[in-house]
């Protein structure tokens, strides 16, 4: 295990639904509706009421 701290850690968004949402801010663990962080209900798998699917890339 690595010795990452808050200062050296690269934020990773492991919530699949967030990765597929158009509101997610790239390279952060936030979105335009939740600028502070991902809500607890989303982290526990309950789904996000603000979810908007990304448009498919051509």
PDB file of N, CA and C in Angstrom:
ATOM      1  N   UNK A   1       0.847  -1.179   0.000  1.00  0.00           N
ATOM      2  CA  UNK A   1       0.000   0.000   0.000  1.00  0.00           C
ATOM      3  C   UNK A   1       0.890   1.239   0.000  1.00  0.00           C
ATOM      4  N   UNK A   2       0.480   2.218  -0.714  1.00  0.00           N
ATOM      5  CA  UNK A   2       1.254   3.450  -0.783  1.00  0.00           C
ATOM      6  C   UNK A   2       0.936   4.348   0.397  1.00  0.00           C
ATOM      7  N   UNK A   3       1.801   5.287   0.631  1.00  0.00           N
ATOM      8  CA  UNK A   3       1.621   6.243   1.719  1.00  0.00           C
ATOM      9  C   UNK A   3       1.116   7.571   1.178  1.00  0.00           C
ATOM     10  N   UNK A   4      -0.031   7.551   0.530  1.00  0.00           N
ATOM     11  CA  UNK A   4      -0.591   8.783  -0.015  1.00  0.00           C
ATOM     12  C   UNK A   4      -1.239   9.599   1.100  1.00  0.00           C
ATOM     13  N   UNK A   5      -1.116  10.897   1.008  1.00  0.00           N
ATOM     14  CA  UNK A   5      -1.767  11.802   1.936  1.00  0.00           C
ATOM     15  C   UNK A   5      -2.719  12.682   1.145  1.00  0.00           C
ATOM     16  N   UNK A   6      -3.450  13.515   1.825  1.00  0.00           N
ATOM     17  CA  UNK A   6      -4.358  14.433   1.145  1.00  0.00           C
ATOM     18  C   UNK A   6      -3.614  15.379   0.215  1.00  0.00           C
ATOM     19  N   UNK A   7      -2.360  15.673   0.524  1.00  0.00           N
ATOM     20  CA  UNK A   7      -1.586  16.592  -0.295  1.00  0.00           C
ATOM     21  C   UNK A   7      -1.021  15.916  -1.546  1.00  0.00           C
ATOM     22  N   UNK A   8      -0.751  14.612  -1.496  1.00  0.00           N
ATOM     23  CA  UNK A   8      -0.147  13.912  -2.629  1.00  0.00           C
ATOM     24  C   UNK A   8      -1.143  13.060  -3.403  1.00  0.00           C
ATOM     25  N   UNK A   9      -2.304  12.869  -2.874  1.00  0.00           N
ATOM     26  CA  UNK A   9      -3.297  11.996  -3.497  1.00  0.00           C
ATOM     27  C   UNK A   9      -3.905  12.644  -4.738  1.00  0.00           C
ATOM     28  N   UNK A  10      -4.032  11.858  -5.804  1.00  0.00           N
ATOM     29  CA  UNK A  10      -4.727  12.318  -7.002  1.00  0.00           C
ATOM     30  C   UNK A  10      -6.191  11.943  -6.826  1.00  0.00           C
ATOM     31  N   UNK A  11      -7.117  12.900  -6.871  1.00  0.00           N
ATOM     32  CA  UNK A  11      -8.530  12.564  -6.698  1.00  0.00           C
ATOM     33  C   UNK A  11      -9.010  11.640  -7.809  1.00  0.00           C
ATOM     34  N   UNK A  12      -9.676  10.591  -7.412  1.00  0.00           N
ATOM     35  CA  UNK A  12     -10.232   9.652  -8.377  1.00  0.00           C
ATOM     36  C   UNK A  12     -11.724   9.507  -8.104  1.00  0.00           C
ATOM     37  N   UNK A  13     -12.498   9.533  -9.139  1.00  0.00           N
ATOM     38  CA  UNK A  13     -13.931   9.387  -9.007  1.00  0.00           C
ATOM     39  C   UNK A  13     -14.285   7.947  -9.355  1.00  0.00           C
ATOM     40  N   UNK A  14     -14.546   7.144  -8.341  1.00  0.00           N
ATOM     41  CA  UNK A  14     -14.819   5.729  -8.552  1.00  0.00           C
ATOM     42  C   UNK A  14     -16.310   5.448  -8.716  1.00  0.00           C
ATOM     43  N   UNK A  15     -17.131   6.472  -8.703  1.00  0.00           N
ATOM     44  CA  UNK A  15     -18.570   6.278  -8.837  1.00  0.00           C
ATOM     45  C   UNK A  15     -18.910   6.237 -10.320  1.00  0.00           C
ATOM     46  N   UNK A  16     -19.299   5.057 -10.802  1.00  0.00           N
ATOM     47  CA  UNK A  16     -19.530   4.875 -12.229  1.00  0.00           C
ATOM     48  C   UNK A  16     -20.585   5.842 -12.770  1.00  0.00           C
ATOM     49  N   UNK A  17     -21.656   6.046 -12.030  1.00  0.00           N
ATOM     50  CA  UNK A  17     -22.712   6.949 -12.498  1.00  0.00           C
ATOM     51  C   UNK A  17     -22.158   8.357 -12.709  1.00  0.00           C
ATOM     52  N   UNK A  18     -21.297   8.831 -11.832  1.00  0.00           N
ATOM     53  CA  UNK A  18     -20.707  10.166 -11.981  1.00  0.00           C
ATOM     54  C   UNK A  18     -19.827  10.238 -13.225  1.00  0.00           C
ATOM     55  N   UNK A  19     -19.098   9.168 -13.503  1.00  0.00           N
ATOM     56  CA  UNK A  19     -18.229   9.152 -14.673  1.00  0.00           C
ATOM     57  C   UNK A  19     -19.024   9.247 -15.966  1.00  0.00           C
ATOM     58  N   UNK A  20     -20.286   8.878 -15.939  1.00  0.00           N
ATOM     59  CA  UNK A  20     -21.143   8.913 -17.121  1.00  0.00           C
ATOM     60  C   UNK A  20     -22.059  10.134 -17.153  1.00  0.00           C
ATOM     61  N   UNK A  21     -21.888  11.057 -16.202  1.00  0.00           N
ATOM     62  CA  UNK A  21     -22.755  12.232 -16.091  1.00  0.00           C
ATOM     63  C   UNK A  21     -22.114  13.443 -16.753  1.00  0.00           C
ATOM     64  N   UNK A  22     -22.929  14.225 -17.432  1.00  0.00           N
ATOM     65  CA  UNK A  22     -22.418  15.421 -18.114  1.00  0.00           C
ATOM     66  C   UNK A  22     -22.080  16.552 -17.151  1.00  0.00           C
ATOM     67  N   UNK A  23     -22.548  16.494 -15.912  1.00  0.00           N
ATOM     68  CA  UNK A  23     -22.298  17.558 -14.943  1.00  0.00           C
ATOM     69  C   UNK A  23     -20.975  17.393 -14.201  1.00  0.00           C
ATOM     70  N   UNK A  24     -20.312  16.264 -14.337  1.00  0.00           N
ATOM     71  CA  UNK A  24     -19.055  16.005 -13.642  1.00  0.00           C
ATOM     72  C   UNK A  24     -17.975  16.960 -14.128  1.00  0.00           C
ATOM     73  N   UNK A  25     -17.179  17.481 -13.177  1.00  0.00           N
ATOM     74  CA  UNK A  25     -16.054  18.347 -13.498  1.00  0.00           C
ATOM     75  C   UNK A  25     -14.823  17.450 -13.663  1.00  0.00           C
ATOM     76  N   UNK A  26     -14.221  17.422 -14.868  1.00  0.00           N
ATOM     77  CA  UNK A  26     -13.070  16.538 -15.102  1.00  0.00           C
ATOM     78  C   UNK A  26     -11.926  16.788 -14.122  1.00  0.00           C
ATOM     79  N   UNK A  27     -11.254  15.710 -13.740  1.00  0.00           N
ATOM     80  CA  UNK A  27     -10.091  15.727 -12.844  1.00  0.00           C
ATOM     81  C   UNK A  27     -10.419  16.199 -11.438  1.00  0.00           C
ATOM     82  N   UNK A  28     -11.682  16.083 -11.052  1.00  0.00           N
ATOM     83  CA  UNK A  28     -12.079  16.433  -9.688  1.00  0.00           C
ATOM     84  C   UNK A  28     -13.013  15.344  -9.162  1.00  0.00           C
ATOM     85  N   UNK A  29     -13.404  15.491  -7.919  1.00  0.00           N
ATOM     86  CA  UNK A  29     -14.388  14.585  -7.338  1.00  0.00           C
ATOM     87  C   UNK A  29     -15.673  15.359  -7.065  1.00  0.00           C
ATOM     88  N   UNK A  30     -16.035  16.211  -8.007  1.00  0.00           N
ATOM     89  CA  UNK A  30     -17.224  17.046  -7.842  1.00  0.00           C
ATOM     90  C   UNK A  30     -17.953  17.207  -9.171  1.00  0.00           C
ATOM     91  N   UNK A  31     -19.078  17.892  -9.109  1.00  0.00           N
ATOM     92  CA  UNK A  31     -19.838  18.191 -10.321  1.00  0.00           C
ATOM     93  C   UNK A  31     -20.430  19.593 -10.195  1.00  0.00           C
ATOM     94  N   UNK A  32     -21.076  20.040 -11.247  1.00  0.00           N
ATOM     95  CA  UNK A  32     -21.625  21.396 -11.215  1.00  0.00           C
ATOM     96  C   UNK A  32     -22.757  21.550 -10.203  1.00  0.00           C
ATOM     97  N   UNK A  33     -23.472  20.492  -9.895  1.00  0.00           N
ATOM     98  CA  UNK A  33     -24.559  20.557  -8.908  1.00  0.00           C
ATOM     99  C   UNK A  33     -24.066  20.326  -7.484  1.00  0.00           C
ATOM    100  N   UNK A  34     -22.958  19.613  -7.334  1.00  0.00           N
ATOM    101  CA  UNK A  34     -22.398  19.309  -6.013  1.00  0.00           C
ATOM    102  C   UNK A  34     -20.929  19.712  -6.005  1.00  0.00           C
ATOM    103  N   UNK A  35     -20.623  21.008  -5.923  1.00  0.00           N
ATOM    104  CA  UNK A  35     -19.241  21.480  -6.059  1.00  0.00           C
ATOM    105  C   UNK A  35     -18.302  21.054  -4.926  1.00  0.00           C
ATOM    106  N   UNK A  36     -18.823  20.755  -3.765  1.00  0.00           N
ATOM    107  CA  UNK A  36     -17.962  20.378  -2.638  1.00  0.00           C
ATOM    108  C   UNK A  36     -17.442  18.949  -2.760  1.00  0.00           C
ATOM    109  N   UNK A  37     -18.325  18.003  -3.025  1.00  0.00           N
ATOM    110  CA  UNK A  37     -17.946  16.606  -3.180  1.00  0.00           C
ATOM    111  C   UNK A  37     -19.156  15.784  -3.614  1.00  0.00           C
ATOM    112  N   UNK A  38     -18.952  14.503  -3.814  1.00  0.00           N
ATOM    113  CA  UNK A  38     -20.038  13.615  -4.230  1.00  0.00           C
ATOM    114  C   UNK A  38     -20.931  13.339  -3.018  1.00  0.00           C
ATOM    115  N   UNK A  39     -22.250  13.480  -3.162  1.00  0.00           N
ATOM    116  CA  UNK A  39     -23.155  13.243  -2.029  1.00  0.00           C
ATOM    117  C   UNK A  39     -23.078  11.798  -1.523  1.00  0.00           C
ATOM    118  N   UNK A  40     -23.309  11.618  -0.227  1.00  0.00           N
ATOM    119  CA  UNK A  40     -23.244  10.298   0.400  1.00  0.00           C
ATOM    120  C   UNK A  40     -24.185   9.305  -0.268  1.00  0.00           C
ATOM    121  N   UNK A  41     -25.393   9.747  -0.644  1.00  0.00           N
ATOM    122  CA  UNK A  41     -26.361   8.828  -1.255  1.00  0.00           C
ATOM    123  C   UNK A  41     -25.831   8.263  -2.565  1.00  0.00           C
ATOM    124  N   UNK A  42     -25.044   9.027  -3.294  1.00  0.00           N
ATOM    125  CA  UNK A  42     -24.464   8.556  -4.550  1.00  0.00           C
ATOM    126  C   UNK A  42     -23.347   7.562  -4.260  1.00  0.00           C
ATOM    127  N   UNK A  43     -22.532   7.849  -3.253  1.00  0.00           N
ATOM    128  CA  UNK A  43     -21.442   6.955  -2.884  1.00  0.00           C
ATOM    129  C   UNK A  43     -21.949   5.598  -2.412  1.00  0.00           C
ATOM    130  N   UNK A  44     -23.118   5.569  -1.823  1.00  0.00           N
ATOM    131  CA  UNK A  44     -23.668   4.305  -1.328  1.00  0.00           C
ATOM    132  C   UNK A  44     -24.474   3.565  -2.384  1.00  0.00           C
ATOM    133  N   UNK A  45     -24.513   4.094  -3.615  1.00  0.00           N
ATOM    134  CA  UNK A  45     -25.158   3.388  -4.710  1.00  0.00           C
ATOM    135  C   UNK A  45     -26.638   3.651  -4.866  1.00  0.00           C
ATOM    136  N   UNK A  46     -27.174   4.646  -4.180  1.00  0.00           N
ATOM    137  CA  UNK A  46     -28.600   4.935  -4.269  1.00  0.00           C
ATOM    138  C   UNK A  46     -28.968   5.714  -5.524  1.00  0.00           C
ATOM    139  N   UNK A  47     -27.979   6.215  -6.248  1.00  0.00           N
ATOM    140  CA  UNK A  47     -28.259   6.993  -7.454  1.00  0.00           C
ATOM    141  C   UNK A  47     -28.301   8.473  -7.158  1.00  0.00           C
ATOM    142  N   UNK A  48     -28.124   9.242  -8.192  1.00  0.00           N
ATOM    143  CA  UNK A  48     -28.083  10.690  -8.041  1.00  0.00           C
ATOM    144  C   UNK A  48     -29.330  11.314  -8.672  1.00  0.00           C
ATOM    145  N   UNK A  49     -30.054  12.143  -7.935  1.00  0.00           N
ATOM    146  CA  UNK A  49     -31.242  12.789  -8.495  1.00  0.00           C
ATOM    147  C   UNK A  49     -30.896  13.832  -9.559  1.00  0.00           C
ATOM    148  N   UNK A  50     -29.651  14.281  -9.613  1.00  0.00           N
ATOM    149  CA  UNK A  50     -29.221  15.304 -10.568  1.00  0.00           C
ATOM    150  C   UNK A  50     -28.540  14.709 -11.802  1.00  0.00           C
ATOM    151  N   UNK A  51     -28.533  13.382 -11.945  1.00  0.00           N
ATOM    152  CA  UNK A  51     -27.818  12.717 -13.048  1.00  0.00           C
ATOM    153  C   UNK A  51     -28.365  13.092 -14.418  1.00  0.00           C
ATOM    154  N   UNK A  52     -27.455  13.428 -15.331  1.00  0.00           N
ATOM    155  CA  UNK A  52     -27.790  13.671 -16.741  1.00  0.00           C
ATOM    156  C   UNK A  52     -26.748  12.929 -17.566  1.00  0.00           C
ATOM    157  N   UNK A  53     -27.172  11.972 -18.371  1.00  0.00           N
ATOM    158  CA  UNK A  53     -26.247  11.167 -19.148  1.00  0.00           C
ATOM    159  C   UNK A  53     -25.530  12.016 -20.196  1.00  0.00           C
ATOM    160  N   UNK A  54     -24.239  11.682 -20.410  1.00  0.00           N
ATOM    161  CA  UNK A  54     -23.465  12.357 -21.449  1.00  0.00           C
ATOM    162  C   UNK A  54     -24.008  11.950 -22.806  1.00  0.00           C
ATOM    163  N   UNK A  55     -23.834  12.836 -23.780  1.00  0.00           N
ATOM    164  CA  UNK A  55     -24.211  12.488 -25.145  1.00  0.00           C
ATOM    165  C   UNK A  55     -23.145  11.556 -25.723  1.00  0.00           C
ATOM    166  N   UNK A  56     -23.539  10.554 -26.492  1.00  0.00           N
ATOM    167  CA  UNK A  56     -22.534   9.652 -27.066  1.00  0.00           C
ATOM    168  C   UNK A  56     -21.590  10.405 -27.986  1.00  0.00           C
ATOM    169  N   UNK A  57     -20.299  10.063 -27.896  1.00  0.00           N
ATOM    170  CA  UNK A  57     -19.317  10.707 -28.760  1.00  0.00           C
ATOM    171  C   UNK A  57     -19.362  10.099 -30.131  1.00  0.00           C
ATOM    172  N   UNK A  58     -19.145  10.938 -31.140  1.00  0.00           N
ATOM    173  CA  UNK A  58     -19.222  10.472 -32.519  1.00  0.00           C
ATOM    174  C   UNK A  58     -17.879  10.002 -33.008  1.00  0.00           C
TER     175      UNK A  58
END
